[in-house]
Amino acid sequence: MASPKRVIYAPEAIDELDAIWRWNAAQYNPKHADKYLSFLRGRIDELQFNYSRCATVRARHDVRYALIRRHSGGHGHVAVFTIGDVAIEVLHVFHTSQDWQGTLSAEEP
């Protein structure tokens, strides 16, 4: 098992998490949005212990991703991150229905 690393969030990832909260609050209610964001952040923060098990992005070998879902079926989110010497940096949090791999392949490494 890889040694634990600190999890940090890039500004884009923070903006995306805020957008996820706003969408859930509008679709459901703020309490639901709070619970879902807490779930999502908790699962992302667990990357400090299990980042080495996550798959590499095909178009960007410097980047890995973790699929996060509440239930085994249906939609969820994808946390995209890099592994540094002391920290995991979460670059993006995409909905699974987004073309996140296409977005990443268009970004500069």
N, C-alpha and C. Protein backbone atom coordinates (compact mmCIF):
# COMPACT_ATOMS: atom_id res chain seq x y z
N MET A 1 0.84 -1.18 0.00
CA MET A 1 0.00 0.00 0.00
C MET A 1 0.88 1.24 0.00
N ALA A 2 0.48 2.24 -0.76
CA ALA A 2 1.23 3.49 -0.84
C ALA A 2 1.04 4.28 0.45
N SER A 3 2.05 5.08 0.78
CA SER A 3 1.94 5.87 2.01
C SER A 3 0.93 7.01 1.81
N PRO A 4 0.20 7.38 2.88
CA PRO A 4 -0.83 8.43 2.77
C PRO A 4 -0.23 9.76 2.34
N LYS A 5 -1.01 10.50 1.58
CA LYS A 5 -0.63 11.83 1.13
C LYS A 5 -1.77 12.78 1.45
N ARG A 6 -1.46 14.02 1.58
CA ARG A 6 -2.45 15.06 1.80
C ARG A 6 -3.25 15.27 0.52
N VAL A 7 -4.55 15.55 0.64
CA VAL A 7 -5.39 15.84 -0.52
C VAL A 7 -5.63 17.34 -0.58
N ILE A 8 -5.29 17.95 -1.71
CA ILE A 8 -5.56 19.37 -1.91
C ILE A 8 -6.43 19.52 -3.16
N TYR A 9 -7.15 20.62 -3.23
CA TYR A 9 -8.08 20.88 -4.32
C TYR A 9 -7.63 22.09 -5.13
N ALA A 10 -7.51 21.91 -6.43
CA ALA A 10 -7.21 23.03 -7.33
C ALA A 10 -8.42 23.96 -7.36
N PRO A 11 -8.21 25.24 -7.68
CA PRO A 11 -9.34 26.18 -7.73
C PRO A 11 -10.47 25.71 -8.65
N GLU A 12 -10.14 25.08 -9.78
CA GLU A 12 -11.17 24.58 -10.70
C GLU A 12 -12.02 23.52 -10.03
N ALA A 13 -11.40 22.63 -9.26
CA ALA A 13 -12.14 21.57 -8.56
C ALA A 13 -13.07 22.17 -7.51
N ILE A 14 -12.60 23.19 -6.82
CA ILE A 14 -13.45 23.86 -5.82
C ILE A 14 -14.65 24.50 -6.50
N ASP A 15 -14.42 25.15 -7.64
CA ASP A 15 -15.53 25.76 -8.40
C ASP A 15 -16.51 24.69 -8.86
N GLU A 16 -16.00 23.55 -9.30
CA GLU A 16 -16.87 22.47 -9.76
C GLU A 16 -17.68 21.88 -8.62
N LEU A 17 -17.08 21.74 -7.44
CA LEU A 17 -17.82 21.26 -6.27
C LEU A 17 -18.90 22.26 -5.88
N ASP A 18 -18.60 23.54 -5.96
CA ASP A 18 -19.62 24.56 -5.68
C ASP A 18 -20.78 24.46 -6.67
N ALA A 19 -20.47 24.22 -7.93
CA ALA A 19 -21.52 24.07 -8.95
C ALA A 19 -22.36 22.82 -8.69
N ILE A 20 -21.73 21.76 -8.25
CA ILE A 20 -22.46 20.53 -7.91
C ILE A 20 -23.42 20.81 -6.75
N TRP A 21 -22.94 21.54 -5.75
CA TRP A 21 -23.81 21.88 -4.62
C TRP A 21 -25.00 22.72 -5.10
N ARG A 22 -24.73 23.73 -5.91
CA ARG A 22 -25.82 24.60 -6.40
C ARG A 22 -26.85 23.81 -7.20
N TRP A 23 -26.40 22.91 -8.05
CA TRP A 23 -27.32 22.11 -8.85
C TRP A 23 -28.19 21.24 -7.95
N ASN A 24 -27.58 20.57 -6.97
CA ASN A 24 -28.34 19.73 -6.05
C ASN A 24 -29.30 20.53 -5.20
N ALA A 25 -28.89 21.72 -4.79
CA ALA A 25 -29.78 22.57 -3.99
C ALA A 25 -30.99 23.00 -4.81
N ALA A 26 -30.77 23.32 -6.08
CA ALA A 26 -31.87 23.76 -6.95
C ALA A 26 -32.78 22.58 -7.32
N GLN A 27 -32.20 21.41 -7.60
CA GLN A 27 -32.99 20.24 -8.00
C GLN A 27 -33.74 19.62 -6.82
N TYR A 28 -33.11 19.62 -5.65
CA TYR A 28 -33.66 18.95 -4.48
C TYR A 28 -33.90 19.98 -3.37
N ASN A 29 -32.86 20.22 -2.58
CA ASN A 29 -32.92 21.25 -1.53
C ASN A 29 -31.52 21.39 -0.94
N PRO A 30 -31.27 22.47 -0.20
CA PRO A 30 -29.93 22.69 0.36
C PRO A 30 -29.45 21.58 1.29
N LYS A 31 -30.36 20.98 2.05
CA LYS A 31 -29.95 19.89 2.95
C LYS A 31 -29.42 18.70 2.15
N HIS A 32 -30.12 18.35 1.07
CA HIS A 32 -29.66 17.28 0.20
C HIS A 32 -28.30 17.64 -0.40
N ALA A 33 -28.16 18.88 -0.85
CA ALA A 33 -26.90 19.33 -1.44
C ALA A 33 -25.75 19.22 -0.43
N ASP A 34 -26.01 19.61 0.81
CA ASP A 34 -24.99 19.49 1.86
C ASP A 34 -24.57 18.04 2.06
N LYS A 35 -25.56 17.14 2.13
CA LYS A 35 -25.25 15.72 2.35
C LYS A 35 -24.47 15.14 1.17
N TYR A 36 -24.89 15.48 -0.04
CA TYR A 36 -24.21 14.92 -1.20
C TYR A 36 -22.78 15.45 -1.30
N LEU A 37 -22.60 16.73 -1.06
CA LEU A 37 -21.25 17.29 -1.12
C LEU A 37 -20.36 16.70 -0.03
N SER A 38 -20.92 16.47 1.13
CA SER A 38 -20.16 15.84 2.21
C SER A 38 -19.74 14.42 1.81
N PHE A 39 -20.66 13.68 1.20
CA PHE A 39 -20.34 12.34 0.69
C PHE A 39 -19.22 12.42 -0.34
N LEU A 40 -19.37 13.32 -1.31
CA LEU A 40 -18.41 13.45 -2.40
C LEU A 40 -17.04 13.84 -1.87
N ARG A 41 -16.98 14.85 -1.01
CA ARG A 41 -15.69 15.29 -0.45
C ARG A 41 -15.06 14.18 0.39
N GLY A 42 -15.89 13.45 1.13
CA GLY A 42 -15.36 12.35 1.94
C GLY A 42 -14.70 11.28 1.09
N ARG A 43 -15.35 10.92 -0.01
CA ARG A 43 -14.79 9.91 -0.91
C ARG A 43 -13.53 10.44 -1.59
N ILE A 44 -13.53 11.70 -1.96
CA ILE A 44 -12.32 12.28 -2.57
C ILE A 44 -11.18 12.31 -1.56
N ASP A 45 -11.48 12.70 -0.34
CA ASP A 45 -10.44 12.76 0.69
C ASP A 45 -9.85 11.38 1.00
N GLU A 46 -10.62 10.31 0.76
CA GLU A 46 -10.11 8.95 0.96
C GLU A 46 -9.00 8.60 -0.03
N LEU A 47 -8.87 9.39 -1.08
CA LEU A 47 -7.79 9.15 -2.05
C LEU A 47 -6.42 9.16 -1.37
N GLN A 48 -6.30 9.85 -0.24
CA GLN A 48 -5.01 9.88 0.45
C GLN A 48 -4.52 8.48 0.81
N PHE A 49 -5.46 7.54 0.94
CA PHE A 49 -5.09 6.18 1.31
C PHE A 49 -5.10 5.20 0.14
N ASN A 50 -5.90 5.47 -0.91
CA ASN A 50 -6.06 4.47 -1.98
C ASN A 50 -5.81 5.02 -3.38
N TYR A 51 -5.05 6.08 -3.49
CA TYR A 51 -4.79 6.69 -4.80
C TYR A 51 -4.09 5.75 -5.77
N SER A 52 -3.27 4.85 -5.27
CA SER A 52 -2.50 3.98 -6.16
C SER A 52 -3.38 2.96 -6.89
N ARG A 53 -4.59 2.75 -6.41
CA ARG A 53 -5.51 1.80 -7.06
C ARG A 53 -6.32 2.44 -8.18
N CYS A 54 -6.21 3.72 -8.36
CA CYS A 54 -7.02 4.43 -9.35
C CYS A 54 -6.39 4.34 -10.73
N ALA A 55 -7.25 4.35 -11.74
CA ALA A 55 -6.80 4.18 -13.13
C ALA A 55 -6.19 5.47 -13.68
N THR A 56 -5.33 5.29 -14.66
CA THR A 56 -4.72 6.41 -15.37
C THR A 56 -5.64 6.84 -16.50
N VAL A 57 -5.72 8.15 -16.74
CA VAL A 57 -6.51 8.68 -17.85
C VAL A 57 -5.78 8.34 -19.15
N ARG A 58 -6.50 7.76 -20.09
CA ARG A 58 -5.89 7.31 -21.35
C ARG A 58 -5.14 8.41 -22.09
N ALA A 59 -5.75 9.58 -22.19
CA ALA A 59 -5.15 10.68 -22.96
C ALA A 59 -4.09 11.46 -22.17
N ARG A 60 -4.06 11.26 -20.85
CA ARG A 60 -3.13 12.01 -20.00
C ARG A 60 -2.52 11.07 -18.98
N HIS A 61 -1.38 10.51 -19.28
CA HIS A 61 -0.78 9.52 -18.39
C HIS A 61 -0.25 10.11 -17.09
N ASP A 62 -0.23 11.43 -16.98
CA ASP A 62 0.18 12.08 -15.75
C ASP A 62 -0.98 12.27 -14.78
N VAL A 63 -2.18 11.84 -15.19
CA VAL A 63 -3.40 12.08 -14.42
C VAL A 63 -4.12 10.77 -14.16
N ARG A 64 -4.70 10.66 -12.96
CA ARG A 64 -5.51 9.50 -12.60
C ARG A 64 -6.93 9.96 -12.30
N TYR A 65 -7.83 8.98 -12.19
CA TYR A 65 -9.21 9.32 -11.86
C TYR A 65 -9.83 8.28 -10.94
N ALA A 66 -10.84 8.72 -10.21
CA ALA A 66 -11.60 7.84 -9.32
C ALA A 66 -13.08 8.06 -9.61
N LEU A 67 -13.79 6.98 -9.84
CA LEU A 67 -15.24 7.03 -10.05
C LEU A 67 -15.91 7.00 -8.68
N ILE A 68 -16.81 7.94 -8.46
CA ILE A 68 -17.49 8.05 -7.16
C ILE A 68 -18.99 8.00 -7.40
N ARG A 69 -19.62 6.99 -6.83
CA ARG A 69 -21.07 6.83 -6.93
C ARG A 69 -21.62 6.41 -5.59
N ARG A 70 -22.84 6.86 -5.30
CA ARG A 70 -23.51 6.42 -4.08
C ARG A 70 -24.00 5.00 -4.21
N HIS A 71 -24.45 4.65 -5.41
CA HIS A 71 -24.99 3.31 -5.68
C HIS A 71 -24.21 2.69 -6.82
N SER A 72 -24.23 1.38 -6.93
CA SER A 72 -23.42 0.71 -7.94
C SER A 72 -23.85 1.03 -9.37
N GLY A 73 -25.09 1.39 -9.59
CA GLY A 73 -25.55 1.76 -10.92
C GLY A 73 -25.81 3.24 -11.02
N GLY A 74 -26.05 3.70 -12.19
CA GLY A 74 -26.41 5.10 -12.36
C GLY A 74 -25.22 6.04 -12.44
N HIS A 75 -25.56 7.32 -12.42
CA HIS A 75 -24.54 8.36 -12.56
C HIS A 75 -23.81 8.61 -11.25
N GLY A 76 -22.75 9.36 -11.37
CA GLY A 76 -21.96 9.76 -10.22
C GLY A 76 -21.01 10.85 -10.67
N HIS A 77 -19.87 10.90 -10.04
CA HIS A 77 -18.86 11.89 -10.37
C HIS A 77 -17.49 11.23 -10.53
N VAL A 78 -16.62 11.92 -11.22
CA VAL A 78 -15.26 11.45 -11.45
C VAL A 78 -14.32 12.51 -10.89
N ALA A 79 -13.49 12.10 -9.95
CA ALA A 79 -12.46 12.99 -9.41
C ALA A 79 -11.18 12.73 -10.19
N VAL A 80 -10.62 13.78 -10.76
CA VAL A 80 -9.41 13.68 -11.58
C VAL A 80 -8.28 14.33 -10.79
N PHE A 81 -7.15 13.61 -10.68
CA PHE A 81 -6.09 14.10 -9.80
C PHE A 81 -4.71 13.72 -10.29
N THR A 82 -3.73 14.41 -9.74
CA THR A 82 -2.32 14.07 -9.95
C THR A 82 -1.73 13.64 -8.60
N ILE A 83 -0.65 12.91 -8.68
CA ILE A 83 0.03 12.44 -7.48
C ILE A 83 1.39 13.13 -7.39
N GLY A 84 1.55 13.93 -6.36
CA GLY A 84 2.83 14.59 -6.13
C GLY A 84 3.62 13.88 -5.04
N ASP A 85 4.75 14.44 -4.68
CA ASP A 85 5.59 13.83 -3.65
C ASP A 85 4.91 13.77 -2.29
N VAL A 86 4.16 14.83 -1.94
CA VAL A 86 3.54 14.88 -0.62
C VAL A 86 2.02 15.04 -0.67
N ALA A 87 1.47 15.27 -1.86
CA ALA A 87 0.03 15.54 -1.91
C ALA A 87 -0.61 14.97 -3.18
N ILE A 88 -1.89 14.71 -3.05
CA ILE A 88 -2.76 14.39 -4.17
C ILE A 88 -3.44 15.71 -4.52
N GLU A 89 -3.33 16.16 -5.77
CA GLU A 89 -4.02 17.39 -6.16
C GLU A 89 -5.21 17.03 -7.03
N VAL A 90 -6.40 17.35 -6.52
CA VAL A 90 -7.63 17.12 -7.27
C VAL A 90 -7.77 18.27 -8.25
N LEU A 91 -7.73 17.94 -9.54
CA LEU A 91 -7.77 18.95 -10.59
C LEU A 91 -9.20 19.31 -10.98
N HIS A 92 -10.06 18.28 -11.08
CA HIS A 92 -11.43 18.46 -11.53
C HIS A 92 -12.34 17.45 -10.85
N VAL A 93 -13.64 17.81 -10.81
CA VAL A 93 -14.68 16.88 -10.41
C VAL A 93 -15.77 16.99 -11.47
N PHE A 94 -15.88 15.95 -12.30
CA PHE A 94 -16.84 15.94 -13.41
C PHE A 94 -18.01 15.02 -13.10
N HIS A 95 -19.16 15.33 -13.68
CA HIS A 95 -20.29 14.40 -13.65
C HIS A 95 -19.98 13.30 -14.66
N THR A 96 -20.43 12.09 -14.38
CA THR A 96 -20.11 10.98 -15.28
C THR A 96 -20.72 11.14 -16.66
N SER A 97 -21.75 11.96 -16.80
CA SER A 97 -22.35 12.15 -18.13
C SER A 97 -21.57 13.16 -18.98
N GLN A 98 -20.62 13.86 -18.39
CA GLN A 98 -19.80 14.81 -19.14
C GLN A 98 -18.72 14.09 -19.93
N ASP A 99 -18.24 14.71 -20.99
CA ASP A 99 -17.11 14.18 -21.75
C ASP A 99 -15.82 14.61 -21.06
N TRP A 100 -15.59 14.06 -19.89
CA TRP A 100 -14.45 14.48 -19.09
C TRP A 100 -13.12 14.05 -19.71
N GLN A 101 -13.11 12.90 -20.37
CA GLN A 101 -11.85 12.48 -21.00
C GLN A 101 -11.51 13.40 -22.17
N GLY A 102 -12.52 13.83 -22.92
CA GLY A 102 -12.29 14.77 -24.01
C GLY A 102 -11.80 16.11 -23.49
N THR A 103 -12.38 16.57 -22.40
CA THR A 103 -11.95 17.83 -21.78
C THR A 103 -10.49 17.74 -21.34
N LEU A 104 -10.15 16.63 -20.72
CA LEU A 104 -8.76 16.46 -20.24
C LEU A 104 -7.77 16.35 -21.39
N SER A 105 -8.15 15.69 -22.46
CA SER A 105 -7.22 15.56 -23.58
C SER A 105 -6.96 16.90 -24.26
N ALA A 106 -7.91 17.84 -24.12
CA ALA A 106 -7.73 19.18 -24.71
C ALA A 106 -6.89 20.08 -23.81
N GLU A 107 -6.74 19.72 -22.54
CA GLU A 107 -5.95 20.54 -21.61
C GLU A 107 -4.46 20.27 -21.80
N GLU A 108 -3.68 21.27 -21.48
CA GLU A 108 -2.23 21.12 -21.49
C GLU A 108 -1.80 20.34 -20.25
N PRO A 109 -0.87 19.39 -20.40
CA PRO A 109 -0.38 18.66 -19.21
C PRO A 109 0.43 19.55 -18.29
